[in-house]
Each structure stands twice: as structure tokens, then as C-alpha cells.
């Protein structure tokens, strides 16, 4: 039996970074994502969101890949919100996402960062945070 522990900090926004996750939707959305991750055998350690994006800390299992796990979390949650008419507008996640590996020594810091999203975004917009992640991790922004 292989022993695998791959931690991923996963970030994605609502379509066009629309501010559609309101105070009523947030708790039920987060609870549903947690339940869905259990049913899909995805280990979701931490999750939190603000009005236009979400952060997750996921541990991948041997047979899982980042794009498939992300697709399962994004697709099912947006379907669920729309199917249950929990948003006044069509709920969609942006196609792109950020996924970065996290070492064991950084887990506490990342968990705290995810838990404190509301406080963090009182001083920094998601656009600023996104640009910071792109720069820190050396990603190249897509044009167009």
C-alpha cells in the first residue's frame, strides 16, 4: 500500500469574479462542498470563501489528479446551487483556477489563511491576491 500525502491549495473564482456568494449562500455552499467531497472521496481539509472566490486545502490520494478533483468540486457545487435555486443569478465558477503544492511545514499557515478570508479581503481585493499568487508562484497570465 503506497503512502501518499500531496497537499494542494486550490483557489478559484466565480464566473467573471461576480460577487454572488452572499451571506445566506455561503454557509450552505461550504457545507455542501464538504459533504460532496466526502461522497467523492476527496479529502478536503479546509475551505472558505468570500463573495467572489473560494480557497480549499485538499490532500490528493494516489489515484487523484488536480484537474479531476477541481472539476468534481466546481461542477457539482455550481450544479447544486442552480438546481436548488439558491442564487438569484446563474451560479458559475470561472474555468481557470490556481493550484499550488503545500509542504507539511506550511499547513498551519495555509489553514489560518483560508479561515481568515473575510479579514484578509478587507484590505486586499481578489484581483490583488490573484496577481500576487501569479507573481509569487511564477505563473504566466493568459492573454485574452
C-alpha atoms as a PDB file:
ATOM      1  CA  UNK A   1       0.000   0.000   0.000  1.00  0.00           C
ATOM      2  CA  UNK A   2       1.508   3.337  -1.015  1.00  0.00           C
ATOM      3  CA  UNK A   3       1.717   6.185   1.466  1.00  0.00           C
ATOM      4  CA  UNK A   4       0.879   9.404  -0.366  1.00  0.00           C
ATOM      5  CA  UNK A   5       0.307  12.866   1.016  1.00  0.00           C
ATOM      6  CA  UNK A   6       0.145  15.671  -1.529  1.00  0.00           C
ATOM      7  CA  UNK A   7      -1.317  18.910  -0.207  1.00  0.00           C
ATOM      8  CA  UNK A   8      -2.836  21.392  -2.672  1.00  0.00           C
ATOM      9  CA  UNK A   9      -4.011  24.948  -2.002  1.00  0.00           C
ATOM     10  CA  UNK A  10      -6.790  25.363  -4.543  1.00  0.00           C
ATOM     11  CA  UNK A  11      -8.291  28.742  -5.449  1.00  0.00           C
ATOM     12  CA  UNK A  12     -10.970  29.601  -7.973  1.00  0.00           C
ATOM     13  CA  UNK A  13     -13.400  32.438  -8.518  1.00  0.00           C
ATOM     14  CA  UNK A  14     -16.967  32.837  -9.571  1.00  0.00           C
ATOM     15  CA  UNK A  15     -17.519  33.429 -13.288  1.00  0.00           C
ATOM     16  CA  UNK A  16     -16.234  36.910 -14.162  1.00  0.00           C
ATOM     17  CA  UNK A  17     -15.399  37.318 -10.458  1.00  0.00           C
ATOM     18  CA  UNK A  18     -19.031  38.198  -9.810  1.00  0.00           C
ATOM     19  CA  UNK A  19     -19.846  38.903  -6.156  1.00  0.00           C
ATOM     20  CA  UNK A  20     -22.644  36.324  -5.915  1.00  0.00           C
ATOM     21  CA  UNK A  21     -21.751  34.313  -2.812  1.00  0.00           C
ATOM     22  CA  UNK A  22     -23.830  36.224  -0.285  1.00  0.00           C
ATOM     23  CA  UNK A  23     -24.107  35.680   3.476  1.00  0.00           C
ATOM     24  CA  UNK A  24     -27.076  33.322   3.010  1.00  0.00           C
ATOM     25  CA  UNK A  25     -25.459  31.208   0.306  1.00  0.00           C
ATOM     26  CA  UNK A  26     -22.011  30.946   1.879  1.00  0.00           C
ATOM     27  CA  UNK A  27     -22.734  28.566   4.796  1.00  0.00           C
ATOM     28  CA  UNK A  28     -24.892  26.183   2.758  1.00  0.00           C
ATOM     29  CA  UNK A  29     -22.435  26.212  -0.144  1.00  0.00           C
ATOM     30  CA  UNK A  30     -19.477  25.425   2.116  1.00  0.00           C
ATOM     31  CA  UNK A  31     -21.431  22.686   3.922  1.00  0.00           C
ATOM     32  CA  UNK A  32     -22.450  21.171   0.600  1.00  0.00           C
ATOM     33  CA  UNK A  33     -18.906  21.254  -0.770  1.00  0.00           C
ATOM     34  CA  UNK A  34     -17.721  19.454   2.378  1.00  0.00           C
ATOM     35  CA  UNK A  35     -20.452  16.800   2.006  1.00  0.00           C
ATOM     36  CA  UNK A  36     -19.757  16.402  -1.695  1.00  0.00           C
ATOM     37  CA  UNK A  37     -16.039  15.981  -1.105  1.00  0.00           C
ATOM     38  CA  UNK A  38     -16.744  13.130   1.333  1.00  0.00           C
ATOM     39  CA  UNK A  39     -19.066  11.426  -1.155  1.00  0.00           C
ATOM     40  CA  UNK A  40     -16.422  11.771  -3.903  1.00  0.00           C
ATOM     41  CA  UNK A  41     -13.631  10.502  -1.608  1.00  0.00           C
ATOM     42  CA  UNK A  42     -11.825  13.861  -1.776  1.00  0.00           C
ATOM     43  CA  UNK A  43     -10.003  14.820   1.414  1.00  0.00           C
ATOM     44  CA  UNK A  44     -10.963  18.457   1.989  1.00  0.00           C
ATOM     45  CA  UNK A  45      -9.037  19.747   4.994  1.00  0.00           C
ATOM     46  CA  UNK A  46     -10.091  23.426   4.899  1.00  0.00           C
ATOM     47  CA  UNK A  47     -12.483  25.506   2.828  1.00  0.00           C
ATOM     48  CA  UNK A  48     -13.674  29.099   2.984  1.00  0.00           C
ATOM     49  CA  UNK A  49     -14.948  31.702   0.576  1.00  0.00           C
ATOM     50  CA  UNK A  50     -15.853  35.324   0.180  1.00  0.00           C
ATOM     51  CA  UNK A  51     -18.326  36.810  -2.268  1.00  0.00           C
ATOM     52  CA  UNK A  52     -16.282  36.171  -5.424  1.00  0.00           C
ATOM     53  CA  UNK A  53     -13.897  33.254  -4.787  1.00  0.00           C
ATOM     54  CA  UNK A  54     -13.074  30.195  -2.744  1.00  0.00           C
ATOM     55  CA  UNK A  55      -9.969  28.678  -1.141  1.00  0.00           C
ATOM     56  CA  UNK A  56      -9.538  24.983  -0.347  1.00  0.00           C
ATOM     57  CA  UNK A  57      -6.816  22.848   1.161  1.00  0.00           C
ATOM     58  CA  UNK A  58      -7.031  19.371  -0.367  1.00  0.00           C
ATOM     59  CA  UNK A  59      -4.909  16.279   0.110  1.00  0.00           C
ATOM     60  CA  UNK A  60      -4.732  14.186  -3.042  1.00  0.00           C
ATOM     61  CA  UNK A  61      -4.826  10.418  -2.941  1.00  0.00           C
ATOM     62  CA  UNK A  62      -2.718   8.264  -5.265  1.00  0.00           C
ATOM     63  CA  UNK A  63      -5.332   7.872  -7.984  1.00  0.00           C
ATOM     64  CA  UNK A  64      -6.482  11.504  -7.933  1.00  0.00           C
ATOM     65  CA  UNK A  65      -5.292  14.339 -10.117  1.00  0.00           C
ATOM     66  CA  UNK A  66      -5.735  18.053  -9.512  1.00  0.00           C
ATOM     67  CA  UNK A  67      -7.823  18.801 -12.588  1.00  0.00           C
ATOM     68  CA  UNK A  68     -10.295  15.965 -11.920  1.00  0.00           C
ATOM     69  CA  UNK A  69     -10.702  16.842  -8.223  1.00  0.00           C
ATOM     70  CA  UNK A  70     -11.182  20.505  -9.133  1.00  0.00           C
ATOM     71  CA  UNK A  71     -13.723  19.633 -11.822  1.00  0.00           C
ATOM     72  CA  UNK A  72     -15.689  17.461  -9.372  1.00  0.00           C
ATOM     73  CA  UNK A  73     -15.776  20.201  -6.725  1.00  0.00           C
ATOM     74  CA  UNK A  74     -16.570  23.065  -9.100  1.00  0.00           C
ATOM     75  CA  UNK A  75     -19.031  21.333 -11.404  1.00  0.00           C
ATOM     76  CA  UNK A  76     -21.121  19.630  -8.777  1.00  0.00           C
ATOM     77  CA  UNK A  77     -21.321  22.666  -6.489  1.00  0.00           C
ATOM     78  CA  UNK A  78     -22.445  25.037  -9.247  1.00  0.00           C
ATOM     79  CA  UNK A  79     -24.988  22.468 -10.466  1.00  0.00           C
ATOM     80  CA  UNK A  80     -26.285  22.070  -6.906  1.00  0.00           C
ATOM     81  CA  UNK A  81     -26.650  25.844  -6.325  1.00  0.00           C
ATOM     82  CA  UNK A  82     -28.531  26.294  -9.607  1.00  0.00           C
ATOM     83  CA  UNK A  83     -30.657  23.146  -9.248  1.00  0.00           C
ATOM     84  CA  UNK A  84     -31.771  24.268  -5.776  1.00  0.00           C
ATOM     85  CA  UNK A  85     -32.307  27.873  -6.916  1.00  0.00           C
ATOM     86  CA  UNK A  86     -30.013  29.233  -4.195  1.00  0.00           C
ATOM     87  CA  UNK A  87     -28.800  32.164  -6.303  1.00  0.00           C
ATOM     88  CA  UNK A  88     -30.831  34.885  -7.999  1.00  0.00           C
ATOM     89  CA  UNK A  89     -28.461  34.693 -10.974  1.00  0.00           C
ATOM     90  CA  UNK A  90     -26.908  31.684 -12.684  1.00  0.00           C
ATOM     91  CA  UNK A  91     -24.120  30.418 -10.440  1.00  0.00           C
ATOM     92  CA  UNK A  92     -20.916  29.535 -12.262  1.00  0.00           C
ATOM     93  CA  UNK A  93     -17.257  29.131 -11.379  1.00  0.00           C
ATOM     94  CA  UNK A  94     -14.523  30.589 -13.585  1.00  0.00           C
ATOM     95  CA  UNK A  95     -12.813  27.986 -15.808  1.00  0.00           C
ATOM     96  CA  UNK A  96      -9.327  28.828 -14.591  1.00  0.00           C
ATOM     97  CA  UNK A  97      -8.024  28.005 -11.150  1.00  0.00           C
ATOM     98  CA  UNK A  98      -4.839  28.193  -9.121  1.00  0.00           C
ATOM     99  CA  UNK A  99      -3.418  25.054  -7.528  1.00  0.00           C
ATOM    100  CA  UNK A 100      -0.140  25.105  -5.626  1.00  0.00           C
ATOM    101  CA  UNK A 101       1.543  22.402  -3.615  1.00  0.00           C
ATOM    102  CA  UNK A 102       1.912  22.939   0.103  1.00  0.00           C
ATOM    103  CA  UNK A 103       4.550  21.342   2.313  1.00  0.00           C
ATOM    104  CA  UNK A 104       3.773  19.925   5.755  1.00  0.00           C
ATOM    105  CA  UNK A 105       5.567  22.833   7.430  1.00  0.00           C
ATOM    106  CA  UNK A 106       3.175  25.353   5.837  1.00  0.00           C
ATOM    107  CA  UNK A 107      -0.117  23.603   6.651  1.00  0.00           C
ATOM    108  CA  UNK A 108      -0.933  25.610   9.779  1.00  0.00           C
ATOM    109  CA  UNK A 109      -0.216  28.885   7.977  1.00  0.00           C
ATOM    110  CA  UNK A 110      -2.392  27.935   4.973  1.00  0.00           C
ATOM    111  CA  UNK A 111      -5.233  26.716   7.197  1.00  0.00           C
ATOM    112  CA  UNK A 112      -5.172  30.030   9.061  1.00  0.00           C
ATOM    113  CA  UNK A 113      -5.030  31.965   5.765  1.00  0.00           C
ATOM    114  CA  UNK A 114      -8.089  30.105   4.469  1.00  0.00           C
ATOM    115  CA  UNK A 115     -10.003  30.529   7.730  1.00  0.00           C
ATOM    116  CA  UNK A 116      -9.360  34.295   7.771  1.00  0.00           C
ATOM    117  CA  UNK A 117     -10.530  35.157   4.260  1.00  0.00           C
ATOM    118  CA  UNK A 118     -13.080  37.768   5.335  1.00  0.00           C
ATOM    119  CA  UNK A 119     -10.480  39.650   7.370  1.00  0.00           C
ATOM    120  CA  UNK A 120      -7.833  39.287   4.652  1.00  0.00           C
ATOM    121  CA  UNK A 121     -10.112  40.743   1.994  1.00  0.00           C
ATOM    122  CA  UNK A 122     -10.905  43.852   3.987  1.00  0.00           C
ATOM    123  CA  UNK A 123      -7.523  45.154   2.807  1.00  0.00           C
ATOM    124  CA  UNK A 124      -6.866  43.230  -0.425  1.00  0.00           C
ATOM    125  CA  UNK A 125      -9.157  42.518  -3.364  1.00  0.00           C
ATOM    126  CA  UNK A 126      -9.247  39.136  -5.055  1.00  0.00           C
ATOM    127  CA  UNK A 127      -7.660  40.734  -8.135  1.00  0.00           C
ATOM    128  CA  UNK A 128      -4.720  41.861  -5.996  1.00  0.00           C
ATOM    129  CA  UNK A 129      -4.494  38.469  -4.300  1.00  0.00           C
ATOM    130  CA  UNK A 130      -4.669  36.687  -7.674  1.00  0.00           C
ATOM    131  CA  UNK A 131      -1.880  38.850  -9.114  1.00  0.00           C
ATOM    132  CA  UNK A 132       0.205  38.163  -6.002  1.00  0.00           C
ATOM    133  CA  UNK A 133      -0.232  34.382  -6.377  1.00  0.00           C
ATOM    134  CA  UNK A 134       0.660  34.608 -10.072  1.00  0.00           C
ATOM    135  CA  UNK A 135       3.852  36.519  -9.242  1.00  0.00           C
ATOM    136  CA  UNK A 136       4.930  34.525  -6.161  1.00  0.00           C
ATOM    137  CA  UNK A 137       4.495  31.164  -7.888  1.00  0.00           C
ATOM    138  CA  UNK A 138       5.877  32.287 -11.261  1.00  0.00           C
ATOM    139  CA  UNK A 139       2.752  31.601 -13.311  1.00  0.00           C
ATOM    140  CA  UNK A 140       2.180  33.314 -16.620  1.00  0.00           C
ATOM    141  CA  UNK A 141      -1.167  35.040 -17.049  1.00  0.00           C
ATOM    142  CA  UNK A 142      -3.173  34.026 -20.083  1.00  0.00           C
ATOM    143  CA  UNK A 143      -3.904  36.820 -22.514  1.00  0.00           C
ATOM    144  CA  UNK A 144      -7.303  37.336 -23.996  1.00  0.00           C
END
